[in-house]
Amino acid sequence: MLATTLRFAGLFLTALLVGTMFGIWLGFNPAALSAGAYVEMQQNTIRALNVVLPALGLACIVLTAALAVVTRRDGRARSLLVVAALCLVAAGLITRFANQPINVLVMTWSAQAPASNWAELRDTWWQWHSLRTALAVGGFALALFAAVGQRTEPSHTRAA
């Protein structure tokens, strides 16, 4: 029962996290936006997601790692889950040390007068976002692959 609960919660929350990241990557490439439009869009996104997504990411890492511990008897699943957790950790580190410092700067800008290097920072933020999205998608795929064909509980613990 514990493995099933961890698997469901981990996959569900990771789907929400990765879906949000992928949706931003797919639909919100800021390259064609004017400076003012970029600042307004980015500030709105930061206000909405800057606390929620890192917290969700941490929950996904903890749940994926916990499931790797619980499934220690299944070497295939455990290995996939460890690598999935490492992908999520890498995405989290990119968020914390690459994207969020740029977010802090963007929040100080005015849409009418952004920083002179706003386009460079926009492009840097986007490159890091693309990398963290790829890592998170990969981690989610590995966690799903670990769940495919895996028994939910050992047969000796199932109720008759």
C-alpha atoms as a PDB file:
ATOM      1  CA  MET A   1       0.000   0.000   0.000  1.00  0.00           C
ATOM      2  CA  LEU A   2       2.847   2.413   0.800  1.00  0.00           C
ATOM      3  CA  ALA A   3       4.477   1.864  -2.592  1.00  0.00           C
ATOM      4  CA  THR A   4       1.158   2.413  -4.373  1.00  0.00           C
ATOM      5  CA  THR A   5       0.482   5.619  -2.454  1.00  0.00           C
ATOM      6  CA  LEU A   6       3.994   6.967  -3.075  1.00  0.00           C
ATOM      7  CA  ARG A   7       3.825   6.002  -6.753  1.00  0.00           C
ATOM      8  CA  PHE A   8       0.463   7.683  -7.274  1.00  0.00           C
ATOM      9  CA  ALA A   9       1.368  10.855  -5.372  1.00  0.00           C
ATOM     10  CA  GLY A  10       4.791  11.102  -6.990  1.00  0.00           C
ATOM     11  CA  LEU A  11       3.560  10.566 -10.522  1.00  0.00           C
ATOM     12  CA  PHE A  12       0.557  12.840 -10.057  1.00  0.00           C
ATOM     13  CA  LEU A  13       2.565  15.746  -8.634  1.00  0.00           C
ATOM     14  CA  THR A  14       5.408  15.264 -11.099  1.00  0.00           C
ATOM     15  CA  ALA A  15       2.888  15.341 -13.951  1.00  0.00           C
ATOM     16  CA  LEU A  16       1.615  18.688 -12.661  1.00  0.00           C
ATOM     17  CA  LEU A  17       5.143  20.065 -12.315  1.00  0.00           C
ATOM     18  CA  VAL A  18       6.417  18.842 -15.664  1.00  0.00           C
ATOM     19  CA  GLY A  19       3.201  19.769 -17.441  1.00  0.00           C
ATOM     20  CA  THR A  20       3.541  23.340 -16.237  1.00  0.00           C
ATOM     21  CA  MET A  21       7.200  23.514 -17.255  1.00  0.00           C
ATOM     22  CA  PHE A  22       6.497  21.941 -20.644  1.00  0.00           C
ATOM     23  CA  GLY A  23       3.537  24.249 -21.237  1.00  0.00           C
ATOM     24  CA  ILE A  24       5.718  27.286 -20.571  1.00  0.00           C
ATOM     25  CA  TRP A  25       8.382  25.917 -22.906  1.00  0.00           C
ATOM     26  CA  LEU A  26       5.860  25.078 -25.629  1.00  0.00           C
ATOM     27  CA  GLY A  27       3.708  28.180 -25.580  1.00  0.00           C
ATOM     28  CA  PHE A  28       5.560  31.070 -23.996  1.00  0.00           C
ATOM     29  CA  ASN A  29       8.868  31.472 -25.800  1.00  0.00           C
ATOM     30  CA  PRO A  30       9.499  35.183 -25.174  1.00  0.00           C
ATOM     31  CA  ALA A  31      11.893  35.741 -28.102  1.00  0.00           C
ATOM     32  CA  ALA A  32       9.367  37.674 -30.206  1.00  0.00           C
ATOM     33  CA  LEU A  33       8.006  39.833 -27.379  1.00  0.00           C
ATOM     34  CA  SER A  34       8.736  43.498 -26.967  1.00  0.00           C
ATOM     35  CA  ALA A  35      10.621  44.498 -23.841  1.00  0.00           C
ATOM     36  CA  GLY A  36       7.463  45.757 -22.135  1.00  0.00           C
ATOM     37  CA  ALA A  37       5.409  42.686 -23.020  1.00  0.00           C
ATOM     38  CA  TYR A  38       8.208  40.408 -21.840  1.00  0.00           C
ATOM     39  CA  VAL A  39       8.559  42.181 -18.497  1.00  0.00           C
ATOM     40  CA  GLU A  40       4.799  42.091 -17.855  1.00  0.00           C
ATOM     41  CA  MET A  41       4.456  38.426 -18.832  1.00  0.00           C
ATOM     42  CA  GLN A  42       7.521  37.343 -16.881  1.00  0.00           C
ATOM     43  CA  GLN A  43       6.566  39.291 -13.752  1.00  0.00           C
ATOM     44  CA  ASN A  44       3.055  37.817 -13.790  1.00  0.00           C
ATOM     45  CA  THR A  45       4.467  34.316 -14.226  1.00  0.00           C
ATOM     46  CA  ILE A  46       7.024  34.833 -11.453  1.00  0.00           C
ATOM     47  CA  ARG A  47       4.343  36.053  -9.052  1.00  0.00           C
ATOM     48  CA  ALA A  48       2.159  33.044  -9.831  1.00  0.00           C
ATOM     49  CA  LEU A  49       4.775  30.276  -9.872  1.00  0.00           C
ATOM     50  CA  ASN A  50       7.979  31.333  -8.098  1.00  0.00           C
ATOM     51  CA  VAL A  51       7.006  29.782  -4.764  1.00  0.00           C
ATOM     52  CA  VAL A  52       4.589  27.055  -5.834  1.00  0.00           C
ATOM     53  CA  LEU A  53       6.705  25.280  -8.448  1.00  0.00           C
ATOM     54  CA  PRO A  54       9.905  24.968  -6.384  1.00  0.00           C
ATOM     55  CA  ALA A  55       7.833  23.595  -3.475  1.00  0.00           C
ATOM     56  CA  LEU A  56       6.118  21.181  -5.843  1.00  0.00           C
ATOM     57  CA  GLY A  57       9.508  20.212  -7.269  1.00  0.00           C
ATOM     58  CA  LEU A  58      10.832  19.440  -3.790  1.00  0.00           C
ATOM     59  CA  ALA A  59       7.798  17.273  -3.061  1.00  0.00           C
ATOM     60  CA  CYS A  60       8.374  15.394  -6.335  1.00  0.00           C
ATOM     61  CA  ILE A  61      12.029  14.783  -5.473  1.00  0.00           C
ATOM     62  CA  VAL A  62      11.164  13.511  -1.985  1.00  0.00           C
ATOM     63  CA  LEU A  63       8.381  11.248  -3.233  1.00  0.00           C
ATOM     64  CA  THR A  64      10.483   9.829  -6.075  1.00  0.00           C
ATOM     65  CA  ALA A  65      13.422   9.174  -3.737  1.00  0.00           C
ATOM     66  CA  ALA A  66      11.127   7.603  -1.134  1.00  0.00           C
ATOM     67  CA  LEU A  67       9.652   5.318  -3.774  1.00  0.00           C
ATOM     68  CA  ALA A  68      13.174   4.305  -4.830  1.00  0.00           C
ATOM     69  CA  VAL A  69      13.847   3.275  -1.215  1.00  0.00           C
ATOM     70  CA  VAL A  70      10.550   1.405  -0.902  1.00  0.00           C
ATOM     71  CA  THR A  71      11.149  -0.470  -4.186  1.00  0.00           C
ATOM     72  CA  ARG A  72      14.701  -1.501  -3.262  1.00  0.00           C
ATOM     73  CA  ARG A  73      13.941  -5.161  -4.065  1.00  0.00           C
ATOM     74  CA  ASP A  74      13.172  -4.280  -7.691  1.00  0.00           C
ATOM     75  CA  GLY A  75      16.571  -3.299  -9.076  1.00  0.00           C
ATOM     76  CA  ARG A  76      15.178  -2.064 -12.395  1.00  0.00           C
ATOM     77  CA  ALA A  77      12.577   0.211 -10.835  1.00  0.00           C
ATOM     78  CA  ARG A  78      14.944   1.415  -8.124  1.00  0.00           C
ATOM     79  CA  SER A  79      17.619   2.366 -10.667  1.00  0.00           C
ATOM     80  CA  LEU A  80      15.132   4.194 -12.859  1.00  0.00           C
ATOM     81  CA  LEU A  81      13.710   6.049  -9.854  1.00  0.00           C
ATOM     82  CA  VAL A  82      17.153   7.068  -8.586  1.00  0.00           C
ATOM     83  CA  VAL A  83      18.023   8.527 -11.991  1.00  0.00           C
ATOM     84  CA  ALA A  84      14.571  10.167 -12.168  1.00  0.00           C
ATOM     85  CA  ALA A  85      15.150  11.775  -8.768  1.00  0.00           C
ATOM     86  CA  LEU A  86      18.595  12.973  -9.893  1.00  0.00           C
ATOM     87  CA  CYS A  87      17.033  14.552 -13.002  1.00  0.00           C
ATOM     88  CA  LEU A  88      14.518  16.351 -10.792  1.00  0.00           C
ATOM     89  CA  VAL A  89      17.301  17.474  -8.436  1.00  0.00           C
ATOM     90  CA  ALA A  90      19.273  18.853 -11.399  1.00  0.00           C
ATOM     91  CA  ALA A  91      16.171  20.723 -12.625  1.00  0.00           C
ATOM     92  CA  GLY A  92      15.687  22.109  -9.121  1.00  0.00           C
ATOM     93  CA  LEU A  93      19.293  23.271  -8.902  1.00  0.00           C
ATOM     94  CA  ILE A  94      18.958  25.026 -12.265  1.00  0.00           C
ATOM     95  CA  THR A  95      15.810  26.715 -10.991  1.00  0.00           C
ATOM     96  CA  ARG A  96      17.483  27.862  -7.788  1.00  0.00           C
ATOM     97  CA  PHE A  97      20.859  28.956  -9.121  1.00  0.00           C
ATOM     98  CA  ALA A  98      20.130  30.012 -12.728  1.00  0.00           C
ATOM     99  CA  ASN A  99      16.479  30.978 -13.241  1.00  0.00           C
ATOM    100  CA  GLN A 100      15.554  32.427  -9.862  1.00  0.00           C
ATOM    101  CA  PRO A 101      18.430  34.944  -9.709  1.00  0.00           C
ATOM    102  CA  ILE A 102      17.238  36.296 -13.064  1.00  0.00           C
ATOM    103  CA  ASN A 103      13.664  36.325 -11.732  1.00  0.00           C
ATOM    104  CA  VAL A 104      14.808  38.520  -8.834  1.00  0.00           C
ATOM    105  CA  LEU A 105      16.223  41.032 -11.307  1.00  0.00           C
ATOM    106  CA  VAL A 106      13.154  40.965 -13.564  1.00  0.00           C
ATOM    107  CA  MET A 107      10.921  41.776 -10.596  1.00  0.00           C
ATOM    108  CA  THR A 108      12.785  45.088 -10.146  1.00  0.00           C
ATOM    109  CA  TRP A 109      12.182  46.213 -13.720  1.00  0.00           C
ATOM    110  CA  SER A 110       9.507  48.503 -15.064  1.00  0.00           C
ATOM    111  CA  ALA A 111       7.761  47.436 -18.259  1.00  0.00           C
ATOM    112  CA  GLN A 112       8.406  50.956 -19.559  1.00  0.00           C
ATOM    113  CA  ALA A 113      12.122  50.871 -18.677  1.00  0.00           C
ATOM    114  CA  PRO A 114      13.619  47.370 -18.380  1.00  0.00           C
ATOM    115  CA  ALA A 115      17.332  46.841 -17.809  1.00  0.00           C
ATOM    116  CA  SER A 116      19.553  47.603 -20.783  1.00  0.00           C
ATOM    117  CA  ASN A 117      20.578  43.924 -20.988  1.00  0.00           C
ATOM    118  CA  TRP A 118      17.014  42.598 -20.705  1.00  0.00           C
ATOM    119  CA  ALA A 119      17.225  40.623 -23.989  1.00  0.00           C
ATOM    120  CA  GLU A 120      20.431  38.884 -22.901  1.00  0.00           C
ATOM    121  CA  LEU A 121      18.920  37.968 -19.531  1.00  0.00           C
ATOM    122  CA  ARG A 122      15.706  36.831 -21.252  1.00  0.00           C
ATOM    123  CA  ASP A 123      17.681  34.519 -23.533  1.00  0.00           C
ATOM    124  CA  THR A 124      19.799  33.177 -20.669  1.00  0.00           C
ATOM    125  CA  TRP A 125      16.674  32.510 -18.598  1.00  0.00           C
ATOM    126  CA  TRP A 126      15.090  30.713 -21.566  1.00  0.00           C
ATOM    127  CA  GLN A 127      18.134  28.502 -22.176  1.00  0.00           C
ATOM    128  CA  TRP A 128      18.158  27.427 -18.529  1.00  0.00           C
ATOM    129  CA  HIS A 129      14.391  26.889 -18.598  1.00  0.00           C
ATOM    130  CA  SER A 130      14.740  24.673 -21.682  1.00  0.00           C
ATOM    131  CA  LEU A 131      17.421  22.578 -19.992  1.00  0.00           C
ATOM    132  CA  ARG A 132      15.508  22.178 -16.736  1.00  0.00           C
ATOM    133  CA  THR A 133      12.366  21.275 -18.686  1.00  0.00           C
ATOM    134  CA  ALA A 134      14.258  18.578 -20.603  1.00  0.00           C
ATOM    135  CA  LEU A 135      15.649  17.178 -17.346  1.00  0.00           C
ATOM    136  CA  ALA A 136      12.226  17.211 -15.664  1.00  0.00           C
ATOM    137  CA  VAL A 137      10.543  15.572 -18.669  1.00  0.00           C
ATOM    138  CA  GLY A 138      13.273  12.930 -18.685  1.00  0.00           C
ATOM    139  CA  GLY A 139      12.867  12.340 -14.952  1.00  0.00           C
ATOM    140  CA  PHE A 140       9.113  11.994 -15.321  1.00  0.00           C
ATOM    141  CA  ALA A 141       9.521   9.561 -18.218  1.00  0.00           C
ATOM    142  CA  LEU A 142      11.915   7.446 -16.146  1.00  0.00           C
ATOM    143  CA  ALA A 143       9.500   7.405 -13.196  1.00  0.00           C
ATOM    144  CA  LEU A 144       6.689   6.334 -15.525  1.00  0.00           C
ATOM    145  CA  PHE A 145       8.892   3.672 -17.058  1.00  0.00           C
ATOM    146  CA  ALA A 146       9.707   2.392 -13.560  1.00  0.00           C
ATOM    147  CA  ALA A 147       5.982   2.028 -12.884  1.00  0.00           C
ATOM    148  CA  VAL A 148       5.254   0.118 -16.102  1.00  0.00           C
ATOM    149  CA  GLY A 149       4.939  -3.557 -15.359  1.00  0.00           C
ATOM    150  CA  GLN A 150       5.837  -3.129 -11.715  1.00  0.00           C
ATOM    151  CA  ARG A 151       3.721  -4.914  -9.130  1.00  0.00           C
ATOM    152  CA  THR A 152       2.039  -2.538  -6.744  1.00  0.00           C
ATOM    153  CA  GLU A 153       2.751  -4.726  -3.694  1.00  0.00           C
ATOM    154  CA  PRO A 154       4.526  -8.055  -3.152  1.00  0.00           C
ATOM    155  CA  SER A 155       2.089 -10.951  -3.395  1.00  0.00           C
ATOM    156  CA  HIS A 156       2.678 -12.025   0.227  1.00  0.00           C
ATOM    157  CA  THR A 157       1.321  -8.680   1.522  1.00  0.00           C
ATOM    158  CA  ARG A 158      -1.892  -8.673  -0.498  1.00  0.00           C
ATOM    159  CA  ALA A 159      -5.141  -9.411   1.274  1.00  0.00           C
ATOM    160  CA  ALA A 160      -6.799 -12.670   0.257  1.00  0.00           C
END
